[in-house]
């Protein structure tokens, strides 16, 4: 049996960040930190345009990047969005390479018009994803110890949003969300004196959150207009409770158990701005987001950096009066770039990518089937870190007035 002193040393090993060369890598390695890999709240429309949309007001599609845009939709009175994606990842380090494929459902969105000037949405979407399996070697007190890191789980968000038209050209909106979920992490020693010992760390997380947005429309000539948009979300401290258990993998008894409430997950405040030029057939938009990660906090002793994300999106809308189906198809594309909020091994790294999409309308324009492709690169192979290249294939199905009810508002 190990002494109490050795258990303290073991806990130190298992809580250290992975900063040595990995021997095997799989899934999403950077989700090992904090609450996992963060996900943006987006709609099918945003996903085809590189996540762009803070300044866009579209009269037919739901735009989740700015809650002030919810009342821009003029045709239908109800929209339902469902979909799924398939993701192929290639992971490389300075000495290893691995690949894997996974898939899941996309955020579920329902949009309703309540009156001529008021509209809103409810939905369920991922907030973060934890999914990793890494084996690495760490030196502790002169000995190389092989450790396997496994993690599953993540957070979801159930949200409600509403938009109000204050004047002919000004709209404001808000989203209220409840974040919930868990981070289930396990670390097992594979070599050395403590071989077969595991530390199980289960953290339950929840918190209500609120964000706001505004859009101002500037009319131009020939049915063209310019839209300025802004969004804001305040810093958020998550409520957490943690259960830690140390046990032998070949036994049933727990060697150490601890339960505690902690308040050390603090997410950053976010400021977003966007501008869009729109006409009947074309939309060109640019977004800039700033997150104050330097004032945030995660569970580990990490060096957090403020982040800036830039995205550019374009869409060509098909002509609803076209005599052939090809002329009805909508085409979209997008580019995005951001620096990562983590600084690991004194190394900064970035994330960038591009998107391509096409929307195929259903009969009588009662919906569309949207196909999109996202190529994403994040991380680096420098300083014993991992580079991730992802190809994401997305199918979104959008139903308009699914229940056959089309209201008229005076």
Foldseek 3Di string as FASTA:
>chain_A
DDDPVVVVVVVVVVQDDDQFFWPDKDDQVVLLFFQGAFDDDFALVCQQFVNDDQFDQDQDDDGPPALQNLLSHDDFFKKKKKWKKKKKKWKDAPPDIDIDIDMDIAKIKMKGADFNFKIKMKIKHFGHWRAIWIWDWDADPNDIWIKIKGKGKHKMKTKMKMKGDPDPFKIKMKMKIKIWMKIWMKMAICDDPRHQKMKIKIKTKIDIFMKMKMKGWADDPPQKIKIKMKIKTAKDWIKMKMWMWMDGNVDDDTPDIDIDTDGFFIFWIKMKIKMWIDHPFKIKMKMKMWTPQCPGGGPHPFRFDIKIKIKIKMKGAADPPDPDQVSRKMKMKMWMKMWGGTQGLNHTKIKIKMKIKMWRADPPSQWTKMWMWIWMWIDDNPSSIMIMIMIMIMIMIMGGCVVVDGDDHD
